[in-house]
C-alpha atoms as a PDB file:
ATOM      1  CA  MET A   1      11.640   0.786   0.180  1.00  0.00           C
ATOM      2  CA  ALA A   2      14.841  -1.030  -0.734  1.00  0.00           C
ATOM      3  CA  THR A   3      16.130   1.963  -2.692  1.00  0.00           C
ATOM      4  CA  ASN A   4      15.580   4.326   0.228  1.00  0.00           C
ATOM      5  CA  LEU A   5      17.406   1.931   2.556  1.00  0.00           C
ATOM      6  CA  ILE A   6      20.331   1.677   0.136  1.00  0.00           C
ATOM      7  CA  LYS A   7      20.491   5.474  -0.213  1.00  0.00           C
ATOM      8  CA  SER A   8      20.701   5.691   3.575  1.00  0.00           C
ATOM      9  CA  GLY A   9      23.813   3.514   3.570  1.00  0.00           C
ATOM     10  CA  VAL A  10      22.157   0.267   4.648  1.00  0.00           C
ATOM     11  CA  ARG A  11      23.394  -2.979   3.083  1.00  0.00           C
ATOM     12  CA  VAL A  12      20.286  -4.566   1.600  1.00  0.00           C
ATOM     13  CA  VAL A  13      20.158  -8.226   0.588  1.00  0.00           C
ATOM     14  CA  GLY A  14      17.038  -9.018  -1.405  1.00  0.00           C
ATOM     15  CA  TYR A  15      15.088 -11.753  -3.130  1.00  0.00           C
ATOM     16  CA  ARG A  16      12.234 -11.230  -5.561  1.00  0.00           C
ATOM     17  CA  ARG A  17      10.355 -13.692  -7.720  1.00  0.00           C
ATOM     18  CA  SER A  18       9.994 -11.233 -10.622  1.00  0.00           C
ATOM     19  CA  ASP A  19      12.315  -8.617 -12.177  1.00  0.00           C
ATOM     20  CA  THR A  20      15.363  -7.771 -10.050  1.00  0.00           C
ATOM     21  CA  GLN A  21      17.252  -5.429 -12.372  1.00  0.00           C
ATOM     22  CA  ALA A  22      16.168  -2.187 -10.681  1.00  0.00           C
ATOM     23  CA  PHE A  23      17.151  -3.578  -7.263  1.00  0.00           C
ATOM     24  CA  VAL A  24      20.631  -4.552  -8.432  1.00  0.00           C
ATOM     25  CA  GLU A  25      21.133  -1.267 -10.285  1.00  0.00           C
ATOM     26  CA  ALA A  26      20.234   0.627  -7.090  1.00  0.00           C
ATOM     27  CA  GLY A  27      23.015  -1.205  -5.242  1.00  0.00           C
ATOM     28  CA  GLY A  28      21.146  -4.108  -3.695  1.00  0.00           C
ATOM     29  CA  VAL A  29      22.758  -7.486  -3.100  1.00  0.00           C
ATOM     30  CA  LEU A  30      20.744 -10.151  -4.905  1.00  0.00           C
ATOM     31  CA  ALA A  31      20.150 -13.404  -3.020  1.00  0.00           C
ATOM     32  CA  SER A  32      19.347 -16.703  -4.715  1.00  0.00           C
ATOM     33  CA  SER A  33      16.587 -17.630  -2.259  1.00  0.00           C
ATOM     34  CA  PRO A  34      14.581 -16.249   0.698  1.00  0.00           C
ATOM     35  CA  VAL A  35      16.632 -18.452   3.050  1.00  0.00           C
ATOM     36  CA  GLN A  36      19.821 -16.822   1.807  1.00  0.00           C
ATOM     37  CA  VAL A  37      18.342 -13.417   2.687  1.00  0.00           C
ATOM     38  CA  VAL A  38      17.786 -14.581   6.267  1.00  0.00           C
ATOM     39  CA  GLU A  39      21.258 -16.082   6.492  1.00  0.00           C
ATOM     40  CA  GLN A  40      22.922 -12.821   5.435  1.00  0.00           C
ATOM     41  CA  THR A  41      20.865 -10.341   7.490  1.00  0.00           C
ATOM     42  CA  ASP A  42      19.776  -9.529  11.020  1.00  0.00           C
ATOM     43  CA  VAL A  43      16.508  -7.827  10.080  1.00  0.00           C
ATOM     44  CA  VAL A  44      14.212  -9.314   7.423  1.00  0.00           C
ATOM     45  CA  LEU A  45      11.453  -7.234   5.809  1.00  0.00           C
ATOM     46  CA  LEU A  46       8.676  -9.140   4.076  1.00  0.00           C
ATOM     47  CA  CYS A  47       6.597  -7.417   1.392  1.00  0.00           C
ATOM     48  CA  LEU A  48       4.250  -9.876  -0.323  1.00  0.00           C
ATOM     49  CA  PRO A  49       0.902  -9.401  -2.086  1.00  0.00           C
ATOM     50  CA  ASN A  50      -1.370 -11.776  -0.175  1.00  0.00           C
ATOM     51  CA  GLU A  51      -1.674 -14.359   2.588  1.00  0.00           C
ATOM     52  CA  PRO A  52      -0.913 -17.444   0.425  1.00  0.00           C
ATOM     53  CA  ALA A  53       2.317 -15.809  -0.796  1.00  0.00           C
ATOM     54  CA  ALA A  54       3.281 -14.855   2.766  1.00  0.00           C
ATOM     55  CA  SER A  55       2.578 -18.400   4.001  1.00  0.00           C
ATOM     56  CA  GLN A  56       4.618 -19.896   1.149  1.00  0.00           C
ATOM     57  CA  ILE A  57       7.671 -17.735   1.900  1.00  0.00           C
ATOM     58  CA  LEU A  58       7.413 -18.336   5.629  1.00  0.00           C
ATOM     59  CA  GLU A  59       6.673 -22.058   5.862  1.00  0.00           C
ATOM     60  CA  GLY A  60       6.324 -23.517   2.351  1.00  0.00           C
ATOM     61  CA  GLU A  61       9.000 -25.379   0.444  1.00  0.00           C
ATOM     62  CA  GLY A  62      12.203 -23.359   0.753  1.00  0.00           C
ATOM     63  CA  GLY A  63      10.530 -21.141   3.371  1.00  0.00           C
ATOM     64  CA  ILE A  64      12.427 -19.085   5.922  1.00  0.00           C
ATOM     65  CA  LEU A  65      10.750 -20.172   9.154  1.00  0.00           C
ATOM     66  CA  ASN A  66      13.305 -22.828  10.085  1.00  0.00           C
ATOM     67  CA  SER A  67      16.144 -20.391   9.388  1.00  0.00           C
ATOM     68  CA  LEU A  68      14.896 -17.889  11.982  1.00  0.00           C
ATOM     69  CA  SER A  69      16.519 -17.709  15.413  1.00  0.00           C
ATOM     70  CA  ALA A  70      16.870 -15.414  18.422  1.00  0.00           C
ATOM     71  CA  SER A  71      19.317 -13.198  16.518  1.00  0.00           C
ATOM     72  CA  LYS A  72      16.741 -12.390  13.803  1.00  0.00           C
ATOM     73  CA  THR A  73      13.963  -9.797  13.599  1.00  0.00           C
ATOM     74  CA  LEU A  74      11.186 -10.135  11.033  1.00  0.00           C
ATOM     75  CA  ILE A  75       9.269  -7.007  10.023  1.00  0.00           C
ATOM     76  CA  GLU A  76       6.069  -7.725   8.116  1.00  0.00           C
ATOM     77  CA  THR A  77       5.089  -4.871   5.793  1.00  0.00           C
ATOM     78  CA  GLY A  78       2.286  -6.685   3.927  1.00  0.00           C
ATOM     79  CA  THR A  79      -1.399  -6.180   4.700  1.00  0.00           C
ATOM     80  CA  TYR A  80      -3.325  -9.273   5.743  1.00  0.00           C
ATOM     81  CA  SER A  81      -6.133 -10.031   8.183  1.00  0.00           C
ATOM     82  CA  LYS A  82      -5.400  -9.435  11.852  1.00  0.00           C
ATOM     83  CA  ASP A  83      -5.849 -13.146  12.632  1.00  0.00           C
ATOM     84  CA  PHE A  84      -3.294 -14.074   9.957  1.00  0.00           C
ATOM     85  CA  LYS A  85      -0.810 -11.558  11.350  1.00  0.00           C
ATOM     86  CA  LEU A  86      -1.166 -12.908  14.892  1.00  0.00           C
ATOM     87  CA  SER A  87      -0.721 -16.491  13.657  1.00  0.00           C
ATOM     88  CA  GLN A  88       2.327 -15.445  11.649  1.00  0.00           C
ATOM     89  CA  ALA A  89       3.823 -13.708  14.691  1.00  0.00           C
ATOM     90  CA  GLN A  90       3.275 -16.781  16.872  1.00  0.00           C
ATOM     91  CA  LYS A  91       5.144 -19.000  14.404  1.00  0.00           C
ATOM     92  CA  VAL A  92       8.057 -16.556  14.122  1.00  0.00           C
ATOM     93  CA  GLN A  93       8.298 -16.061  17.874  1.00  0.00           C
ATOM     94  CA  GLY A  94       8.120 -19.832  18.331  1.00  0.00           C
ATOM     95  CA  LYS A  95      11.526 -19.971  16.626  1.00  0.00           C
ATOM     96  CA  GLY A  96      12.898 -17.424  19.093  1.00  0.00           C
ATOM     97  CA  ALA A  97      12.887 -14.577  16.561  1.00  0.00           C
ATOM     98  CA  ARG A  98      11.225 -11.209  17.086  1.00  0.00           C
ATOM     99  CA  TYR A  99       8.259  -9.925  15.065  1.00  0.00           C
ATOM    100  CA  LEU A 100       7.035  -6.443  14.217  1.00  0.00           C
ATOM    101  CA  GLU A 101       4.278  -5.326  11.846  1.00  0.00           C
ATOM    102  CA  ALA A 102       5.000  -2.152   9.908  1.00  0.00           C
ATOM    103  CA  GLU A 103       2.239  -1.272   7.468  1.00  0.00           C
ATOM    104  CA  ILE A 104       3.356   1.348   4.960  1.00  0.00           C
ATOM    105  CA  SER A 105       0.754   3.847   3.781  1.00  0.00           C
ATOM    106  CA  GLY A 106       1.546   5.496   0.467  1.00  0.00           C
ATOM    107  CA  SER A 107       1.864   4.810  -3.242  1.00  0.00           C
ATOM    108  CA  PRO A 108       5.270   3.837  -4.708  1.00  0.00           C
ATOM    109  CA  PRO A 109       5.947   7.458  -5.781  1.00  0.00           C
ATOM    110  CA  MET A 110       5.104   8.652  -2.248  1.00  0.00           C
ATOM    111  CA  ILE A 111       7.461   6.055  -0.757  1.00  0.00           C
ATOM    112  CA  ALA A 112      10.254   7.051  -3.152  1.00  0.00           C
ATOM    113  CA  ALA A 113       9.748  10.705  -2.141  1.00  0.00           C
ATOM    114  CA  ARG A 114       9.798   9.751   1.571  1.00  0.00           C
ATOM    115  CA  LYS A 115       6.226  11.012   1.981  1.00  0.00           C
ATOM    116  CA  ALA A 116       4.716   7.685   3.032  1.00  0.00           C
ATOM    117  CA  SER A 117       3.952   6.670   6.622  1.00  0.00           C
ATOM    118  CA  PHE A 118       4.732   3.551   8.652  1.00  0.00           C
ATOM    119  CA  TYR A 119       2.045   2.267  11.012  1.00  0.00           C
ATOM    120  CA  VAL A 120       3.736  -0.026  13.515  1.00  0.00           C
ATOM    121  CA  GLY A 121       2.346  -2.649  15.880  1.00  0.00           C
ATOM    122  CA  GLY A 122       4.120  -4.933  18.319  1.00  0.00           C
ATOM    123  CA  ASP A 123       6.491  -4.610  21.260  1.00  0.00           C
ATOM    124  CA  GLU A 124       7.304  -0.927  21.755  1.00  0.00           C
ATOM    125  CA  SER A 125      10.913  -1.529  22.771  1.00  0.00           C
ATOM    126  CA  LEU A 126      11.441  -3.536  19.574  1.00  0.00           C
ATOM    127  CA  PHE A 127       9.917  -0.678  17.582  1.00  0.00           C
ATOM    128  CA  ARG A 128      12.323   1.807  19.187  1.00  0.00           C
ATOM    129  CA  GLU A 129      15.223  -0.477  18.291  1.00  0.00           C
ATOM    130  CA  CYS A 130      14.058  -0.783  14.675  1.00  0.00           C
ATOM    131  CA  GLU A 131      12.916   2.825  14.314  1.00  0.00           C
ATOM    132  CA  PRO A 132      16.162   4.113  12.729  1.00  0.00           C
ATOM    133  CA  LEU A 133      15.875   1.422  10.048  1.00  0.00           C
ATOM    134  CA  LEU A 134      12.240   2.311   9.341  1.00  0.00           C
ATOM    135  CA  ARG A 135      13.111   6.008   9.231  1.00  0.00           C
ATOM    136  CA  ALA A 136      15.718   5.214   6.605  1.00  0.00           C
ATOM    137  CA  ILE A 137      12.685   4.419   4.424  1.00  0.00           C
ATOM    138  CA  THR A 138      10.396   7.277   5.465  1.00  0.00           C
ATOM    139  CA  ASP A 139      10.388   9.980   8.127  1.00  0.00           C
ATOM    140  CA  GLN A 140       6.814   9.323   9.254  1.00  0.00           C
ATOM    141  CA  CYS A 141       6.702   6.413  11.721  1.00  0.00           C
ATOM    142  CA  PHE A 142       3.825   5.930  14.157  1.00  0.00           C
ATOM    143  CA  TYR A 143       3.819   3.353  16.949  1.00  0.00           C
ATOM    144  CA  LEU A 144       0.171   2.373  17.496  1.00  0.00           C
ATOM    145  CA  GLY A 145       0.156  -0.421  20.080  1.00  0.00           C
ATOM    146  CA  PRO A 146       0.186  -4.234  20.180  1.00  0.00           C
ATOM    147  CA  LEU A 147       0.242  -6.520  17.162  1.00  0.00           C
ATOM    148  CA  GLY A 148      -2.835  -5.981  15.018  1.00  0.00           C
ATOM    149  CA  SER A 149      -2.942  -2.229  15.633  1.00  0.00           C
ATOM    150  CA  ALA A 150      -1.007  -1.421  12.475  1.00  0.00           C
ATOM    151  CA  VAL A 151      -3.223  -3.377  10.094  1.00  0.00           C
ATOM    152  CA  SER A 152      -6.321  -1.786  11.654  1.00  0.00           C
ATOM    153  CA  MET A 153      -4.957   1.714  11.021  1.00  0.00           C
ATOM    154  CA  LYS A 154      -3.876   0.764   7.486  1.00  0.00           C
ATOM    155  CA  LEU A 155      -7.397  -0.402   6.668  1.00  0.00           C
ATOM    156  CA  ILE A 156      -8.809   2.898   7.955  1.00  0.00           C
ATOM    157  CA  ALA A 157      -6.310   4.766   5.770  1.00  0.00           C
ATOM    158  CA  ASN A 158      -7.153   2.745   2.659  1.00  0.00           C
ATOM    159  CA  TYR A 159     -10.853   3.047   3.449  1.00  0.00           C
ATOM    160  CA  LEU A 160     -10.362   6.797   3.010  1.00  0.00           C
ATOM    161  CA  LEU A 161      -8.075   6.284   0.012  1.00  0.00           C
ATOM    162  CA  ALA A 162     -10.928   4.647  -1.892  1.00  0.00           C
ATOM    163  CA  ILE A 163     -13.394   7.391  -0.969  1.00  0.00           C
ATOM    164  CA  HIS A 164     -10.933  10.183  -1.765  1.00  0.00           C
ATOM    165  CA  THR A 165      -9.958   8.672  -5.122  1.00  0.00           C
ATOM    166  CA  LEU A 166     -13.581   8.384  -6.202  1.00  0.00           C
ATOM    167  CA  SER A 167     -14.305  11.936  -5.021  1.00  0.00           C
ATOM    168  CA  ALA A 168     -11.247  13.162  -6.957  1.00  0.00           C
ATOM    169  CA  ALA A 169     -12.610  11.442 -10.056  1.00  0.00           C
ATOM    170  CA  GLU A 170     -16.010  13.075  -9.509  1.00  0.00           C
ATOM    171  CA  ALA A 171     -14.371  16.504  -9.300  1.00  0.00           C
ATOM    172  CA  MET A 172     -12.230  15.908 -12.387  1.00  0.00           C
ATOM    173  CA  ASN A 173     -15.244  14.671 -14.360  1.00  0.00           C
ATOM    174  CA  MET A 174     -17.301  17.671 -13.284  1.00  0.00           C
ATOM    175  CA  GLY A 175     -14.489  20.076 -14.130  1.00  0.00           C
ATOM    176  CA  LYS A 176     -14.114  18.710 -17.643  1.00  0.00           C
ATOM    177  CA  ARG A 177     -17.855  18.744 -18.271  1.00  0.00           C
ATOM    178  CA  ALA A 178     -17.907  22.371 -17.084  1.00  0.00           C
ATOM    179  CA  GLY A 179     -15.470  23.211 -19.863  1.00  0.00           C
ATOM    180  CA  PHE A 180     -12.183  23.365 -17.971  1.00  0.00           C
ATOM    181  CA  ASP A 181      -8.903  21.828 -19.064  1.00  0.00           C
ATOM    182  CA  PRO A 182      -8.407  18.788 -16.748  1.00  0.00           C
ATOM    183  CA  HIS A 183      -4.812  19.852 -16.058  1.00  0.00           C
ATOM    184  CA  LEU A 184      -6.080  23.207 -14.809  1.00  0.00           C
ATOM    185  CA  VAL A 185      -8.617  21.513 -12.554  1.00  0.00           C
ATOM    186  CA  ALA A 186      -5.887  19.287 -11.078  1.00  0.00           C
ATOM    187  CA  LYS A 187      -3.652  22.301 -10.413  1.00  0.00           C
ATOM    188  CA  VAL A 188      -6.258  24.684  -9.011  1.00  0.00           C
ATOM    189  CA  ILE A 189      -8.143  22.258  -6.763  1.00  0.00           C
ATOM    190  CA  GLN A 190      -4.935  20.893  -5.211  1.00  0.00           C
ATOM    191  CA  ALA A 191      -3.945  24.469  -4.262  1.00  0.00           C
ATOM    192  CA  GLY A 192      -7.170  25.097  -2.343  1.00  0.00           C
ATOM    193  CA  ALA A 193      -9.406  23.792   0.424  1.00  0.00           C
ATOM    194  CA  GLY A 194     -10.554  20.809  -1.643  1.00  0.00           C
ATOM    195  CA  ALA A 195      -7.055  19.335  -1.798  1.00  0.00           C
ATOM    196  CA  SER A 196      -6.197  15.864  -0.525  1.00  0.00           C
ATOM    197  CA  ALA A 197      -3.228  13.527  -0.760  1.00  0.00           C
ATOM    198  CA  MET A 198      -5.122  11.286  -3.180  1.00  0.00           C
ATOM    199  CA  PHE A 199      -6.268  14.214  -5.307  1.00  0.00           C
ATOM    200  CA  GLY A 200      -2.634  15.327  -5.533  1.00  0.00           C
ATOM    201  CA  VAL A 201      -1.501  11.857  -6.639  1.00  0.00           C
ATOM    202  CA  ARG A 202      -4.427  10.774  -8.838  1.00  0.00           C
ATOM    203  CA  ALA A 203      -5.780  13.988 -10.424  1.00  0.00           C
ATOM    204  CA  PRO A 204      -2.656  14.459 -12.609  1.00  0.00           C
ATOM    205  CA  LEU A 205      -2.988  10.821 -13.747  1.00  0.00           C
ATOM    206  CA  MET A 206      -6.629  11.467 -14.572  1.00  0.00           C
ATOM    207  CA  ALA A 207      -5.761  14.666 -16.446  1.00  0.00           C
ATOM    208  CA  ASP A 208      -3.132  12.811 -18.504  1.00  0.00           C
ATOM    209  CA  ARG A 209      -5.326   9.686 -18.728  1.00  0.00           C
ATOM    210  CA  ARG A 210      -2.182   7.848 -17.655  1.00  0.00           C
ATOM    211  CA  PHE A 211      -3.562   4.680 -16.106  1.00  0.00           C
ATOM    212  CA  ASP A 212      -0.909   2.191 -17.206  1.00  0.00           C
ATOM    213  CA  PRO A 213       1.711   1.396 -15.927  1.00  0.00           C
ATOM    214  CA  ALA A 214      -0.142   1.590 -12.641  1.00  0.00           C
ATOM    215  CA  PRO A 215       1.413   2.800  -9.385  1.00  0.00           C
ATOM    216  CA  GLY A 216      -1.670   1.430  -7.588  1.00  0.00           C
ATOM    217  CA  PRO A 217      -3.819  -0.953  -9.667  1.00  0.00           C
ATOM    218  CA  PHE A 218      -7.380  -2.011  -8.871  1.00  0.00           C
ATOM    219  CA  VAL A 219      -6.156  -5.566  -8.335  1.00  0.00           C
ATOM    220  CA  THR A 220      -3.998  -4.406  -5.422  1.00  0.00           C
ATOM    221  CA  LEU A 221      -6.787  -2.356  -3.834  1.00  0.00           C
ATOM    222  CA  GLU A 222      -9.291  -5.216  -3.890  1.00  0.00           C
ATOM    223  CA  LYS A 223      -8.102  -6.896  -0.692  1.00  0.00           C
ATOM    224  CA  TYR A 224      -8.227  -3.579   1.173  1.00  0.00           C
ATOM    225  CA  LEU A 225     -11.835  -3.094   0.131  1.00  0.00           C
ATOM    226  CA  ASP A 226     -12.743  -6.558   1.403  1.00  0.00           C
ATOM    227  CA  LEU A 227     -10.769  -6.302   4.650  1.00  0.00           C
ATOM    228  CA  GLY A 228     -11.968  -2.741   5.246  1.00  0.00           C
ATOM    229  CA  GLN A 229     -15.604  -3.736   4.784  1.00  0.00           C
ATOM    230  CA  LYS A 230     -15.186  -6.662   7.195  1.00  0.00           C
ATOM    231  CA  MET A 231     -13.562  -4.411   9.797  1.00  0.00           C
ATOM    232  CA  ALA A 232     -16.373  -1.851   9.467  1.00  0.00           C
ATOM    233  CA  ASP A 233     -18.996  -4.590   9.762  1.00  0.00           C
ATOM    234  CA  ASP A 234     -17.294  -6.119  12.812  1.00  0.00           C
ATOM    235  CA  LEU A 235     -17.209  -2.689  14.477  1.00  0.00           C
ATOM    236  CA  GLY A 236     -20.797  -1.882  13.540  1.00  0.00           C
ATOM    237  CA  CYS A 237     -19.798   1.240  11.601  1.00  0.00           C
ATOM    238  CA  ALA A 238     -22.132   3.132   9.282  1.00  0.00           C
ATOM    239  CA  THR A 239     -20.385   3.330   5.904  1.00  0.00           C
ATOM    240  CA  PRO A 240     -22.460   5.407   3.463  1.00  0.00           C
ATOM    241  CA  LEU A 241     -19.544   6.778   1.418  1.00  0.00           C
ATOM    242  CA  PHE A 242     -17.442   3.598   1.412  1.00  0.00           C
ATOM    243  CA  SER A 243     -20.454   1.480   0.474  1.00  0.00           C
ATOM    244  CA  ALA A 244     -21.091   3.797  -2.482  1.00  0.00           C
ATOM    245  CA  ALA A 245     -17.433   3.741  -3.563  1.00  0.00           C
ATOM    246  CA  VAL A 246     -16.742  -0.008  -3.446  1.00  0.00           C
ATOM    247  CA  PRO A 247     -18.915  -0.987  -6.471  1.00  0.00           C
ATOM    248  CA  TYR A 248     -17.057   1.487  -8.687  1.00  0.00           C
ATOM    249  CA  PHE A 249     -13.695  -0.089  -7.856  1.00  0.00           C
ATOM    250  CA  LYS A 250     -15.062  -3.642  -8.123  1.00  0.00           C
ATOM    251  CA  ARG A 251     -16.391  -2.712 -11.547  1.00  0.00           C
ATOM    252  CA  ALA A 252     -12.836  -2.658 -12.880  1.00  0.00           C
ATOM    253  CA  PHE A 253     -12.801  -6.460 -12.819  1.00  0.00           C
ATOM    254  CA  ASP A 254     -16.007  -6.678 -14.839  1.00  0.00           C
ATOM    255  CA  GLU A 255     -14.586  -4.176 -17.340  1.00  0.00           C
ATOM    256  CA  GLY A 256     -11.247  -6.033 -17.604  1.00  0.00           C
ATOM    257  CA  VAL A 257      -9.137  -3.064 -16.454  1.00  0.00           C
ATOM    258  CA  GLN A 258      -8.130  -4.407 -13.044  1.00  0.00           C
ATOM    259  CA  HIS A 259      -4.438  -3.893 -13.809  1.00  0.00           C
ATOM    260  CA  GLU A 260      -4.870  -0.202 -14.543  1.00  0.00           C
ATOM    261  CA  ASP A 261      -4.322   2.397 -11.827  1.00  0.00           C
ATOM    262  CA  ILE A 262      -7.330   3.129  -9.625  1.00  0.00           C
ATOM    263  CA  ALA A 263      -7.332   6.634 -11.140  1.00  0.00           C
ATOM    264  CA  ALA A 264      -9.110   4.919 -14.055  1.00  0.00           C
ATOM    265  CA  VAL A 265     -12.260   4.901 -11.904  1.00  0.00           C
ATOM    266  CA  LEU A 266     -12.757   8.222 -13.707  1.00  0.00           C
ATOM    267  CA  LYS A 267     -13.766   6.272 -16.818  1.00  0.00           C
ATOM    268  CA  PHE A 268     -16.723   4.679 -15.014  1.00  0.00           C
ATOM    269  CA  LEU A 269     -17.988   8.067 -13.825  1.00  0.00           C
ATOM    270  CA  GLU A 270     -17.668   9.411 -17.357  1.00  0.00           C
ATOM    271  CA  ALA A 271     -19.645   6.463 -18.685  1.00  0.00           C
ATOM    272  CA  ASP A 272     -22.388   6.981 -16.086  1.00  0.00           C
ATOM    273  CA  SER A 273     -22.678  10.751 -16.625  1.00  0.00           C
ATOM    274  CA  ARG A 274     -25.642  11.979 -18.615  1.00  0.00           C
ATOM    275  CA  ASP A 275     -25.065  12.720 -22.273  1.00  0.00           C
ATOM    276  CA  GLN A 276     -25.743  16.435 -22.563  1.00  0.00           C
ATOM    277  CA  LYS A 277     -24.289  19.565 -24.042  1.00  0.00           C
ATOM    278  CA  VAL A 278     -21.490  20.929 -21.872  1.00  0.00           C
ATOM    279  CA  GLY A 279     -21.837  24.604 -21.019  1.00  0.00           C
ATOM    280  CA  GLY A 280     -19.124  27.237 -20.826  1.00  0.00           C
ATOM    281  CA  LYS A 281     -17.065  28.169 -17.848  1.00  0.00           C
END
């Protein structure tokens, strides 16, 4: 996201707890703390892995909450529960600052290629004001309604992501056992009616058995599975496919491969397939 902003001519000041070399090499301005980011910018984008991390950056020691004011806009891009988002917004707005949720749907390669989508919730006039900035990251921006709308849509999207990734793995496993080169399966299926965004992203990884480094590891997907299941339960939805898919992704933690890309779900299907002689094409 930062790289796309920089390429669009936006001055980006950033802080990250881990490696910052790629950010600096792309032209980003490295800050020494989250507070320094707020002090040097008008719009602050947060992108953190979970609710404890988001709470720490907002109101923990060295947090940014007390540095926010009426001249600042905070855009939350992380995925958390709806209740957490609403609480977060209330605290930010209590300091006079403005708050927008902008859930981004897409793997890192999709974001880099500007093929991801932003799902946005909050005040519509604030969205229109921030829209050019969001479109500097990706062309697809959808305003969905009040705060909480974006996270709901993101959970629906990742609900399908899990199902589609498992179905892609089923197809790739079947293709190999039918005697086809996995690379051919990935190419041919993506060109036809069985194509999907996740098949296009994950089938080549499956064909190459390239699961690490992971663009989207199991450990990152886990919270979406939990939040998606809770949302489905709260809405009273029947979930036959999702309920079948979740145990395969959870299995990664039992197998110790939670840091591999979710394309590695293929390995579990291979392990569960019957041992038999594979026929010809």
